[in-house]
Every structure is written in structure tokens, then in C-alpha cells.
Protein backbone atom coordinates (compact mmCIF):
# COMPACT_ATOMS: atom_id res chain seq x y z
CA UNK A 1 -106.18 37.09 68.87
CA UNK A 2 -108.65 38.37 66.31
CA UNK A 3 -108.35 41.59 64.30
CA UNK A 4 -110.88 44.25 65.13
CA UNK A 5 -113.05 45.07 62.07
CA UNK A 6 -114.12 48.59 63.05
CA UNK A 7 -116.12 49.85 60.13
CA UNK A 8 -118.45 46.85 60.01
CA UNK A 9 -119.62 47.32 63.58
CA UNK A 10 -119.40 50.99 64.41
CA UNK A 11 -123.12 51.75 63.79
CA UNK A 12 -124.14 48.66 65.71
CA UNK A 13 -121.93 49.58 68.64
CA UNK A 14 -123.49 52.99 68.91
CA UNK A 15 -126.98 51.55 68.72
CA UNK A 16 -126.38 49.02 71.44
CA UNK A 17 -124.75 51.64 73.58
CA UNK A 18 -128.00 53.58 73.35
CA UNK A 19 -129.86 50.50 74.53
CA UNK A 20 -127.81 50.64 77.69
CA UNK A 21 -128.64 54.31 78.36
CA UNK A 22 -132.25 54.33 77.32
CA UNK A 23 -135.07 55.63 79.47
CA UNK A 24 -138.69 54.44 79.68
CA UNK A 25 -139.83 56.72 76.88
CA UNK A 26 -138.30 54.20 74.45
CA UNK A 27 -141.00 51.69 75.48
CA UNK A 28 -143.60 53.48 73.28
CA UNK A 29 -143.94 54.01 69.57
CA UNK A 30 -142.01 50.81 68.82
CA UNK A 31 -141.58 49.99 65.15
CA UNK A 32 -142.94 46.45 64.69
CA UNK A 33 -140.42 45.84 61.89
CA UNK A 34 -137.41 46.78 64.03
CA UNK A 35 -134.95 44.27 65.44
CA UNK A 36 -135.84 44.19 69.10
CA UNK A 37 -133.03 41.95 70.30
CA UNK A 38 -129.70 42.10 68.45
CA UNK A 39 -127.97 38.80 67.69
CA UNK A 40 -125.69 37.60 70.43
CA UNK A 41 -122.62 37.72 68.17
CA UNK A 42 -123.32 41.33 67.24
CA UNK A 43 -123.71 42.38 70.84
CA UNK A 44 -120.44 40.54 71.69
CA UNK A 45 -118.62 42.52 69.01
CA UNK A 46 -120.10 45.74 70.30
CA UNK A 47 -119.12 45.02 73.90
CA UNK A 48 -115.56 44.00 73.05
CA UNK A 49 -115.16 46.93 70.67
CA UNK A 50 -116.26 49.35 73.40
CA UNK A 51 -113.97 47.75 75.96
CA UNK A 52 -110.85 47.66 73.79
CA UNK A 53 -111.25 51.23 72.50
CA UNK A 54 -111.98 52.48 76.05
CA UNK A 55 -108.81 50.92 77.48
CA UNK A 56 -106.66 52.82 75.00
CA UNK A 57 -108.45 56.20 75.13
CA UNK A 58 -109.40 58.52 78.00
CA UNK A 59 -108.80 55.97 80.76
CA UNK A 60 -105.36 55.24 79.42
CA UNK A 61 -104.42 58.92 78.99
CA UNK A 62 -105.56 59.98 82.49
CA UNK A 63 -103.85 57.15 84.29
CA UNK A 64 -100.67 56.97 82.20
CA UNK A 65 -100.06 60.71 82.70
CA UNK A 66 -100.61 60.42 86.45
CA UNK A 67 -98.33 57.34 86.65
CA UNK A 68 -95.74 59.08 84.41
CA UNK A 69 -95.51 56.65 81.59
CA UNK A 70 -96.41 59.65 79.45
CA UNK A 71 -96.17 63.39 79.77
CA UNK A 72 -98.24 66.16 78.19
CA UNK A 73 -96.71 68.82 76.01
CA UNK A 74 -97.56 71.60 73.63
CA UNK A 75 -98.13 74.68 75.78
CA UNK A 76 -100.67 76.08 78.23
CA UNK A 77 -104.26 75.09 77.57
CA UNK A 78 -103.39 71.85 75.75
CA UNK A 79 -105.54 69.12 77.32
CA UNK A 80 -102.74 66.63 78.06
CA UNK A 81 -100.65 69.41 79.63
CA UNK A 82 -103.51 70.37 81.94
CA UNK A 83 -104.07 66.71 82.97
CA UNK A 84 -100.32 66.16 83.37
CA UNK A 85 -100.28 68.97 85.94
CA UNK A 86 -102.85 67.12 88.03
CA UNK A 87 -105.76 69.31 86.94
CA UNK A 88 -108.58 66.86 86.12
CA UNK A 89 -112.16 67.94 86.70
CA UNK A 90 -115.56 66.24 86.89
CA UNK A 91 -116.37 67.71 83.46
CA UNK A 92 -113.20 66.06 82.00
CA UNK A 93 -114.41 62.60 83.02
CA UNK A 94 -118.11 62.96 82.02
CA UNK A 95 -117.78 61.07 78.77
CA UNK A 96 -115.49 58.45 80.22
CA UNK A 97 -117.49 57.63 83.32
CA UNK A 98 -121.15 58.08 82.49
CA UNK A 99 -121.12 57.38 78.75
CA UNK A 100 -118.22 55.17 77.74
CA UNK A 101 -117.96 52.98 80.84
CA UNK A 102 -121.56 52.67 81.95
CA UNK A 103 -123.90 53.54 79.05
CA UNK A 104 -121.74 51.89 76.39
CA UNK A 105 -119.36 49.11 77.41
CA UNK A 106 -121.01 47.83 80.63
CA UNK A 107 -124.47 48.27 79.15
CA UNK A 108 -123.56 46.22 76.04
CA UNK A 109 -122.27 43.47 78.32
CA UNK A 110 -125.40 43.57 80.38
CA UNK A 111 -127.58 43.39 77.29
CA UNK A 112 -125.63 40.30 76.25
CA UNK A 113 -126.19 38.68 79.67
CA UNK A 114 -129.94 39.38 79.65
CA UNK A 115 -130.45 38.13 76.14
CA UNK A 116 -128.39 34.91 76.38
CA UNK A 117 -128.43 33.71 79.98
CA UNK A 118 -131.19 31.16 79.52
CA UNK A 119 -130.44 29.73 76.06
CA UNK A 120 -126.75 30.48 75.34
CA UNK A 121 -125.04 31.01 78.69
CA UNK A 122 -121.54 30.87 77.19
CA UNK A 123 -122.13 34.36 75.81
CA UNK A 124 -123.50 35.49 79.16
CA UNK A 125 -120.45 34.02 80.86
CA UNK A 126 -117.99 35.93 78.69
CA UNK A 127 -119.96 39.11 79.28
CA UNK A 128 -119.80 38.59 83.06
CA UNK A 129 -116.00 38.10 82.96
CA UNK A 130 -115.63 41.26 80.92
CA UNK A 131 -117.86 43.12 83.35
CA UNK A 132 -115.78 41.87 86.25
CA UNK A 133 -112.67 43.24 84.52
CA UNK A 134 -114.24 46.62 83.71
CA UNK A 135 -115.77 47.07 87.15
CA UNK A 136 -112.36 46.30 88.69
CA UNK A 137 -110.47 48.97 86.71
CA UNK A 138 -113.28 51.49 87.24
CA UNK A 139 -113.06 50.92 90.99
CA UNK A 140 -109.25 51.20 90.83
CA UNK A 141 -109.69 54.55 89.07
CA UNK A 142 -112.65 56.12 90.88
CA UNK A 143 -112.99 54.26 94.22
CA UNK A 144 -116.62 53.92 95.31
CA UNK A 145 -118.79 53.53 92.19
CA UNK A 146 -122.20 52.12 91.28
CA UNK A 147 -121.89 48.34 90.98
CA UNK A 148 -124.67 46.30 92.67
CA UNK A 149 -127.47 48.63 91.49
CA UNK A 150 -125.87 49.66 88.23
CA UNK A 151 -127.15 48.57 84.84
CA UNK A 152 -130.80 48.31 85.91
CA UNK A 153 -131.68 50.66 83.08
CA UNK A 154 -135.09 52.27 83.38
CA UNK A 155 -135.87 50.46 86.68
CA UNK A 156 -133.18 52.31 88.58
CA UNK A 157 -131.58 55.39 87.06
CA UNK A 158 -130.03 56.53 90.32
CA UNK A 159 -127.99 53.67 91.69
CA UNK A 160 -126.11 53.78 94.99
CA UNK A 161 -122.31 54.01 94.98
CA UNK A 162 -120.91 50.79 96.49
CA UNK A 163 -117.85 50.96 98.74
CA UNK A 164 -114.77 50.03 96.74
CA UNK A 165 -114.11 46.79 98.60
CA UNK A 166 -117.74 45.73 98.24
CA UNK A 167 -117.52 46.50 94.54
CA UNK A 168 -114.48 44.28 94.26
CA UNK A 169 -116.34 41.40 95.93
CA UNK A 170 -119.24 41.90 93.52
CA UNK A 171 -116.88 41.88 90.52
CA UNK A 172 -115.15 38.75 91.70
CA UNK A 173 -118.60 37.13 92.05
CA UNK A 174 -119.34 38.11 88.47
CA UNK A 175 -116.07 36.53 87.29
CA UNK A 176 -116.86 33.31 89.16
CA UNK A 177 -120.37 33.20 87.69
CA UNK A 178 -118.88 33.78 84.27
CA UNK A 179 -116.51 30.85 84.64
CA UNK A 180 -119.48 28.62 85.57
CA UNK A 181 -121.52 29.88 82.61
CA UNK A 182 -118.88 29.20 79.98
CA UNK A 183 -118.90 25.53 81.00
CA UNK A 184 -122.66 25.11 80.53
CA UNK A 185 -124.48 23.64 77.50
CA UNK A 186 -125.19 26.46 75.14
CA UNK A 187 -127.35 26.71 72.02
CA UNK A 188 -124.90 29.20 70.53
CA UNK A 189 -121.18 29.50 71.06
CA UNK A 190 -118.86 32.30 69.89
CA UNK A 191 -116.35 32.00 67.11
CA UNK A 192 -115.16 34.86 64.92
CA UNK A 193 -117.55 37.20 66.77
CA UNK A 194 -115.29 36.86 69.80
CA UNK A 195 -112.64 39.43 68.79
CA UNK A 196 -110.44 38.67 71.81
CA UNK A 197 -110.11 34.89 72.02
CA UNK A 198 -111.88 33.63 68.91
CA UNK A 199 -114.31 31.48 70.92
CA UNK A 200 -111.56 29.63 72.83
CA UNK A 201 -113.32 29.12 76.15
CA UNK A 202 -110.22 27.66 77.82
CA UNK A 203 -108.47 30.95 77.27
CA UNK A 204 -111.41 32.87 78.74
CA UNK A 205 -111.25 30.70 81.87
CA UNK A 206 -107.49 31.14 82.20
CA UNK A 207 -107.84 34.90 81.79
CA UNK A 208 -110.67 35.05 84.33
CA UNK A 209 -108.54 33.27 86.97
CA UNK A 210 -105.50 35.45 86.18
CA UNK A 211 -107.68 38.56 86.56
CA UNK A 212 -108.71 37.37 89.98
CA UNK A 213 -105.07 37.00 90.92
CA UNK A 214 -104.51 40.59 89.86
CA UNK A 215 -107.37 41.72 92.03
CA UNK A 216 -106.29 39.65 95.04
CA UNK A 217 -102.78 41.04 94.70
CA UNK A 218 -104.13 44.57 95.13
CA UNK A 219 -104.94 43.74 98.74
CA UNK A 220 -101.18 43.78 99.36
CA UNK A 221 -99.34 45.47 101.04
CA UNK A 222 -102.14 46.89 103.14
CA UNK A 223 -102.69 43.34 104.50
CA UNK A 224 -99.91 41.54 106.35
CA UNK A 225 -97.91 38.73 104.80
CA UNK A 226 -99.85 35.50 104.21
CA UNK A 227 -103.13 37.24 105.02
CA UNK A 228 -104.58 36.97 101.55
CA UNK A 229 -105.90 33.42 101.72
CA UNK A 230 -107.93 33.87 98.54
CA UNK A 231 -104.76 34.37 96.50
CA UNK A 232 -103.10 31.31 97.98
CA UNK A 233 -106.22 29.14 97.51
CA UNK A 234 -106.59 30.12 93.88
CA UNK A 235 -102.85 29.77 93.19
CA UNK A 236 -102.89 26.23 94.64
CA UNK A 237 -105.10 25.10 91.73
CA UNK A 238 -101.94 24.95 89.63
CA UNK A 239 -100.34 26.76 86.64
CA UNK A 240 -102.78 25.35 84.06
CA UNK A 241 -105.46 27.47 85.79
CA UNK A 242 -103.84 30.69 84.58
CA UNK A 243 -102.43 32.29 81.46
CA UNK A 244 -99.99 29.87 79.75
CA UNK A 245 -98.25 32.18 77.26
CA UNK A 246 -98.50 35.29 75.16
CA UNK A 247 -101.35 33.76 73.15
CA UNK A 248 -103.47 34.19 76.30
CA UNK A 249 -102.94 38.00 76.45
CA UNK A 250 -106.21 39.80 77.13
CA UNK A 251 -106.06 42.30 74.28
CA UNK A 252 -107.92 43.54 71.24
CA UNK A 253 -106.34 44.01 67.81
CA UNK A 254 -107.25 46.74 65.35
CA UNK A 255 -106.87 47.33 61.58
CA UNK A 256 -104.02 49.02 59.70
CA UNK A 257 -106.32 51.58 58.03
CA UNK A 258 -106.56 55.21 59.08
CA UNK A 259 -109.66 55.65 61.22
CA UNK A 260 -109.67 51.95 62.20
CA UNK A 261 -106.35 51.89 64.05
CA UNK A 262 -106.03 51.40 67.80
CA UNK A 263 -107.17 54.22 70.08
CA UNK A 264 -103.64 55.17 71.26
CA UNK A 265 -102.51 55.54 67.66
CA UNK A 266 -105.68 57.48 66.73
CA UNK A 267 -105.01 60.05 69.48
CA UNK A 268 -101.41 60.47 68.34
CA UNK A 269 -102.60 61.15 64.77
CA UNK A 270 -105.33 63.55 65.86
CA UNK A 271 -103.30 65.50 68.43
CA UNK A 272 -99.61 65.28 67.54
CA UNK A 273 -96.87 66.77 69.68
CA UNK A 274 -98.99 66.61 72.89
CA UNK A 275 -98.40 63.14 74.30
CA UNK A 276 -94.82 61.91 74.74
CA UNK A 277 -93.12 59.11 76.71
CA UNK A 278 -92.25 60.44 80.14
CA UNK A 279 -88.72 60.92 81.54
CA UNK A 280 -89.76 58.63 84.39
CA UNK A 281 -90.28 55.68 82.09
CA UNK A 282 -87.47 56.47 79.60
CA UNK A 283 -85.07 57.22 82.44
CA UNK A 284 -85.62 53.82 84.05
CA UNK A 285 -84.99 52.11 80.69
CA UNK A 286 -81.99 54.28 79.83
CA UNK A 287 -80.32 53.50 83.14
CA UNK A 288 -80.55 49.79 82.38
CA UNK A 289 -79.74 50.03 78.66
CA UNK A 290 -83.09 48.33 78.08
CA UNK A 291 -83.21 46.60 74.67
CA UNK A 292 -86.94 47.33 74.37
CA UNK A 293 -86.23 51.07 73.79
CA UNK A 294 -85.89 50.85 69.98
CA UNK A 295 -89.39 49.31 69.89
CA UNK A 296 -91.02 51.48 72.56
CA UNK A 297 -89.59 54.88 71.51
CA UNK A 298 -88.28 56.75 68.46
CA UNK A 299 -84.61 57.49 68.35
CA UNK A 300 -83.88 61.26 68.54
CA UNK A 301 -80.20 60.99 67.60
CA UNK A 302 -79.07 62.78 64.46
CA UNK A 303 -77.56 60.38 61.92
CA UNK A 304 -75.08 58.70 61.95
CA UNK A 305 -75.46 58.59 65.78
CA UNK A 306 -78.12 56.16 67.08
CA UNK A 307 -79.58 54.99 70.34
CA UNK A 308 -80.63 58.30 71.94
CA UNK A 309 -83.97 58.23 73.76
CA UNK A 310 -85.30 61.30 75.62
CA UNK A 311 -88.51 61.54 77.56
CA UNK A 312 -90.57 64.66 78.32
CA UNK A 313 -90.64 65.87 81.91
CA UNK A 314 -94.04 65.67 83.55
CA UNK A 315 -95.53 69.08 84.07
CA UNK A 316 -92.96 70.88 81.82
CA UNK A 317 -95.24 71.06 78.83
CA UNK A 318 -96.57 74.53 79.75
CA UNK A 319 -93.85 76.20 77.74
CA UNK A 320 -93.54 76.61 73.96
CA UNK A 321 -93.93 73.38 72.02
CA UNK A 322 -90.70 71.50 71.29
CA UNK A 323 -91.93 68.66 69.10
CA UNK A 324 -88.55 67.35 67.99
CA UNK A 325 -86.86 67.35 71.42
CA UNK A 326 -88.32 64.10 72.68
CA UNK A 327 -88.76 60.47 71.69
CA UNK A 328 -92.24 59.49 70.58
CA UNK A 329 -94.17 56.30 71.04
CA UNK A 330 -92.99 53.80 68.45
CA UNK A 331 -93.82 50.40 66.96
CA UNK A 332 -94.80 48.66 70.21
CA UNK A 333 -97.83 50.88 70.54
CA UNK A 334 -98.41 51.97 66.92
CA UNK A 335 -97.59 48.90 64.84
CA UNK A 336 -95.05 48.37 62.07
CA UNK A 337 -93.45 51.35 60.27
CA UNK A 338 -94.97 51.98 56.83
CA UNK A 339 -92.86 54.93 55.88
CA UNK A 340 -90.76 57.76 57.40
CA UNK A 341 -93.45 60.21 58.42
CA UNK A 342 -94.77 60.87 61.91
CA UNK A 343 -97.95 58.88 61.18
CA UNK A 344 -96.48 56.18 58.98
CA UNK A 345 -97.46 53.31 61.23
CA UNK A 346 -99.81 50.41 60.63
CA UNK A 347 -101.73 51.28 63.81
CA UNK A 348 -102.92 47.67 64.25
CA UNK A 349 -100.96 46.75 67.34
CA UNK A 350 -103.34 45.52 70.08
CA UNK A 351 -104.67 47.48 72.99
CA UNK A 352 -103.20 45.31 75.79
CA UNK A 353 -105.33 45.04 78.97
CA UNK A 354 -103.78 42.16 80.94
CA UNK A 355 -100.84 40.18 79.64
CA UNK A 356 -98.94 37.02 80.34
CA UNK A 357 -95.94 39.17 81.30
CA UNK A 358 -98.04 40.93 83.97
CA UNK A 359 -99.21 37.54 85.29
CA UNK A 360 -95.57 36.54 85.89
CA UNK A 361 -94.89 39.77 87.76
CA UNK A 362 -98.02 39.16 89.86
CA UNK A 363 -96.53 35.81 90.88
CA UNK A 364 -93.12 37.38 91.55
CA UNK A 365 -94.56 39.99 93.88
CA UNK A 366 -96.67 37.46 95.74
CA UNK A 367 -93.70 35.14 96.25
CA UNK A 368 -91.50 37.97 97.51
CA UNK A 369 -94.21 39.02 99.98
CA UNK A 370 -94.60 35.45 101.19
CA UNK A 371 -90.92 34.79 101.50
CA UNK A 372 -90.23 32.44 98.51
CA UNK A 373 -87.41 34.25 96.74
CA UNK A 374 -86.54 31.33 94.49
CA UNK A 375 -90.03 31.17 92.93
CA UNK A 376 -90.13 34.99 92.83
CA UNK A 377 -86.89 35.08 90.80
CA UNK A 378 -88.23 32.50 88.31
CA UNK A 379 -91.44 34.44 87.78
CA UNK A 380 -89.58 37.77 87.58
CA UNK A 381 -87.28 36.48 84.83
CA UNK A 382 -90.24 34.96 83.02
CA UNK A 383 -92.09 38.26 83.12
CA UNK A 384 -89.13 40.18 81.63
CA UNK A 385 -88.66 37.59 78.92
CA UNK A 386 -92.34 37.63 77.99
CA UNK A 387 -92.23 41.41 77.74
CA UNK A 388 -89.10 41.32 75.61
CA UNK A 389 -90.73 38.79 73.25
CA UNK A 390 -93.82 41.00 72.87
CA UNK A 391 -91.61 43.97 72.04
CA UNK A 392 -89.60 42.08 69.44
CA UNK A 393 -86.26 41.82 71.30
CA UNK A 394 -84.06 38.89 70.38
CA UNK A 395 -83.68 36.07 72.90
CA UNK A 396 -79.95 36.73 73.14
CA UNK A 397 -80.45 40.42 74.01
CA UNK A 398 -83.18 39.57 76.49
CA UNK A 399 -80.90 37.02 78.16
CA UNK A 400 -78.12 39.59 78.60
CA UNK A 401 -80.60 42.03 80.16
CA UNK A 402 -82.07 39.41 82.55
CA UNK A 403 -78.65 38.27 83.70
CA UNK A 404 -77.67 41.85 84.43
CA UNK A 405 -80.49 42.34 86.94
CA UNK A 406 -79.57 42.06 90.57
CA UNK A 407 -80.92 39.00 92.36
CA UNK A 408 -84.20 39.60 94.15
CA UNK A 409 -83.94 40.01 97.93
CA UNK A 410 -86.45 40.71 100.65
CA UNK A 411 -85.20 44.37 100.59
CA UNK A 412 -85.00 45.10 96.91
CA UNK A 413 -87.58 42.64 95.51
CA UNK A 414 -90.72 44.73 95.43
CA UNK A 415 -89.03 47.74 93.82
CA UNK A 416 -87.32 45.65 91.16
CA UNK A 417 -90.51 43.81 90.29
CA UNK A 418 -92.72 46.89 90.14
CA UNK A 419 -90.21 48.82 88.03
CA UNK A 420 -90.01 45.97 85.54
CA UNK A 421 -93.79 45.61 85.56
CA UNK A 422 -94.08 49.36 84.99
CA UNK A 423 -91.99 48.99 81.82
CA UNK A 424 -93.75 45.84 80.66
CA UNK A 425 -97.16 47.47 81.14
CA UNK A 426 -96.31 50.35 78.85
CA UNK A 427 -99.63 51.17 77.15
CA UNK A 428 -101.76 49.28 79.69
CA UNK A 429 -104.36 51.49 81.34
CA UNK A 430 -104.76 51.92 85.09
CA UNK A 431 -102.53 49.08 86.43
CA UNK A 432 -99.20 51.02 86.54
CA UNK A 433 -100.95 53.76 88.54
CA UNK A 434 -102.49 51.15 90.81
CA UNK A 435 -99.13 49.62 91.45
CA UNK A 436 -97.62 53.00 92.28
CA UNK A 437 -100.35 53.80 94.77
CA UNK A 438 -100.02 50.35 96.38
CA UNK A 439 -96.27 50.15 96.60
CA UNK A 440 -94.70 53.61 96.06
CA UNK A 441 -92.77 52.27 93.08
CA UNK A 442 -91.45 53.36 90.72
CA UNK A 443 -90.30 56.39 92.71
CA UNK A 444 -91.99 59.38 90.99
CA UNK A 445 -91.47 63.10 91.33
CA UNK A 446 -94.42 65.48 91.62
CA UNK A 447 -94.93 67.10 88.20
CA UNK A 448 -93.52 70.55 87.66
CA UNK A 449 -96.08 73.35 87.66
CA UNK A 450 -98.54 70.99 89.36
CA UNK A 451 -101.72 72.01 91.09
CA UNK A 452 -100.78 70.05 94.27
CA UNK A 453 -97.73 68.85 96.08
CA UNK A 454 -98.70 65.20 95.75
CA UNK A 455 -99.33 62.81 92.86
CA UNK A 456 -103.02 62.13 92.30
CA UNK A 457 -104.44 59.01 93.91
CA UNK A 458 -107.98 59.01 92.48
CA UNK A 459 -110.03 60.48 89.59
CA UNK A 460 -112.87 62.96 90.17
CA UNK A 461 -116.46 61.96 89.94
CA UNK A 462 -118.44 62.92 86.89
CA UNK A 463 -120.24 66.25 87.00
CA UNK A 464 -122.93 64.72 84.82
CA UNK A 465 -123.47 61.90 87.28
CA UNK A 466 -123.56 64.36 90.13
CA UNK A 467 -126.35 66.27 88.31
CA UNK A 468 -128.31 63.11 87.39
CA UNK A 469 -127.77 61.24 90.69
CA UNK A 470 -127.12 63.91 93.30
CA UNK A 471 -128.37 61.93 96.27
CA UNK A 472 -125.87 59.12 95.75
CA UNK A 473 -122.79 60.66 94.08
CA UNK A 474 -120.23 61.29 96.85
CA UNK A 475 -118.43 64.58 97.23
CA UNK A 476 -114.75 64.60 96.15
CA UNK A 477 -112.65 67.72 96.54
CA UNK A 478 -109.14 66.32 96.92
CA UNK A 479 -107.71 63.97 94.32
CA UNK A 480 -104.59 63.34 96.40
CA UNK A 481 -106.52 61.55 99.20
CA UNK A 482 -106.23 57.77 99.17
CA UNK A 483 -109.71 56.63 98.21
CA UNK A 484 -109.62 52.98 97.17
CA UNK A 485 -109.78 50.33 99.89
CA UNK A 486 -106.41 48.77 98.93
CA UNK A 487 -104.53 52.06 99.05
CA UNK A 488 -102.17 51.83 102.06
CA UNK A 489 -103.13 55.41 103.09
CA UNK A 490 -106.91 54.75 103.00
CA UNK A 491 -108.46 55.04 106.45
């Protein structure tokens, strides 16, 4: 993994983001001395920067609050408290949906495809794989979204909203095209400008195939056992086709300088005492005496006592702030401790988007659903061990924990796998919420003081997009209605 050099590229990122959102008026009064096409490496940095920051900012906060990895606190009117109660509006997602996802990250990737497809298709291939990933998590979060007609820039400013399943198919096609492109002869190939894999194309291919497995898995359990032939066909290509270890994690590292740290850490610094680990997550880990807790959470015990971890209840943050009552996120999400203060963290831990641990849990779920409990158990244990290693747990402690887990059965397998995946995906945007909607696990309680009697199953559409594209933006009045094709309740 490469470290994200934020300061060097921040101006470029903004400039290229504007390219993605430009209108036809930019076609006139062009400065003949200006750089018309940015270098491929610079656009790559911009695209990956946008993607990594995005996956640790608004999209992470919305989905991790809904899935109850985190809880909002600090009193009425605090943004995270409002979101935690299930009150998320079209105005709240304006910047995320219309600007950050489409006009910035996806637009940078499209600019890279357009500028390199003919001469340096390796860059175009990486951009297509990243687009496939971002389209997939956008669909998982919003349901029907612009995909096939998106990113046409001035030629089509009002794209249609594709049905979510059609969007998935389009994204998978992009991933396949990306895999083909990275194998082609290319005048230029990435190196240090690839902040994720350092130009290692084999890792990009393994990630792309693992991403497809994640997407194919989402079709379960709505489809019957053995009905997902695409998953089985891809899996049959063998283990070398997919992530081979933690070095293949799809993640972006940041710097250990204030203002250049990862986006989860930056939010914690900017808005302290408003975003705490949830009782749902901490409770699961406390029940199992999980050895990852000292890395995931701060200890709230008063010396000389140790080992006390307390989460905040979802929806309970409407009361007076109680900043010292709960554990906070710790080194796993914020980097090494640099002192004893609330913000004395390096902040350079990566934003994790899809990990080797998750890949193993994907396999475990598939094998349980298709009746191979022996292979499911092997993958399940491997997923836990990979997560433990990422957290910094010793091999001996991890072994004790793994041996204490009940054997997987047809009855308990899915719940056990999803609960462990929920823990391992601490800090990963969207996927824990997707798993909950697909499987009903982990078992969550509707937040106290909530706006509805159900946990949200979709995000609202952007008010800004509704204003700019009224003919195509669907109406959405109930965020508790199953709205993504893979959701078991979707009609």
C-alpha cells in the first residue's frame, strides 16, 4: 500500500473534480497556455484520493450509524444524533451524491478513461475497476441511480436512473472491461502514482475478481441455493484469482500530519464527542471477550482497573452530552497513539474498502448457503484470523478466540459469519449495512427516539439532483422500504 500525500494533490483533485462537473460554457475563452489534459498519473492520484476520502466520510457516517457500528451523541440538533435517529434528508446527501460521488470521484475516473483508453489502457482499466466499485456501493446505498447515461458531461446533464439490478450488471461489465485493459500493451504504466497498489497489476486483477464475488454474493439470500451460477463459475477459476493476503487489501493510506490524516480521524478531530462506537458492536465483542477490543476502542476503566469497553446506545444521544461515559474509536481506525490526549493519534491508518478478511467471509457465507460446511469453517476461521492480524492481536490470542467459536452449522452459520464480518468490517463503509439488509444479522434494535419503527433500508435521493434532473429523479418518501434489487423485501 502507498501512503496518501494529501497536500501535494489537493488543488489538482479539486480542479479535476470541476472537469467532471463542467458545463458547455467552459468550451469558450480557453487559455491557450493552460494544461488541457492533465497527466494520467495526476488524474489517477485525484481519482484515488477522492475515492479513499469519500469512503471514510459522509458515506461511512450515514451507513455505519444505520448499521449500528457507531452511534451519534452530543444532544438534540447535533448532526450525527439526527442521522442516528433515522432522520436523513435529501439536503443531507446533496454533497455526497451529486458532488463527491458523481462530479468528483466518478468524473475523475471517467476523465482518466477518456484520456488513456487508446494509448495507455492500463490506466483506463484501473479507472474502470474503481468505477465498478464505486457504482456498486452507490447502488447499495441509493438503489436506482444514474449509471449507463452518467458521466456524459455536457452531452447529457440529465441522465436516466437505471434500475439497481441493471446498474449492477453495468458495473460488472466495467470491472470485466477493466481486467481486459490492464492486460493490454500500454505506453504508460502506473507506479508511485497508484496510491492503492503501487502499480501492481496482478493485485488490481485479484481485487477486481474479489469485488465481483462480493457483488454476486449480494444476490443471496433472495435467490435460492445454487442459483447464483455467476458466483460458482468465477470461484471455479481457483484461489489465485482472488485476494491472496492482507497485502491485497483494497485501501488507501494517509499521512500522520494534522489535516492530512484519514477522513474518519479528521471527523473525530473536528467534531469530538459526537460519534462513538455503538452498543450493538461493542456488545457483540464484549460477549465474546474479543481480543480486538483494545485496538478498536478506548478503555473507559479507571486505573488500576482495565478492560472496560462501553458503547453508546443508538438514538440515545438526544440528551445532555456525556463525553466520558463511552469508549471511543482507537488505534485501529486512528493510527498509533502519539500521546495521551483525545487527538494524539497518528491518523495514518488506511481507509479500508474491501479486505482479505471480508473475502474469506464471502467464501464462508457462500459455502454455508451451498451446503459445504467444511469449506465454510475453513474460510470463517481464516477471516477471523485475518481481521485479528490487521488489528494487531497476537496469534496465540487469535487462536484462543477462534477455538472458542461454535462450529458452523446449517442453522447457525449465517448469523455467526455475518456477526464476525460485522466486527471485521469495522470502519468499512456500506457493506455492514448491506449485510444487515440481506440477512437480518446482526440482530439490531430500532434506535431510541427514532423517526420510524424500522431501521432504514435506503438513503434519500439528493434534493439538488431532484432540482437539476426532475424528470428522471424518482420520488422517495419512505426510507424503510426495501429498494435495492437484492433486498429480500424488495418487490
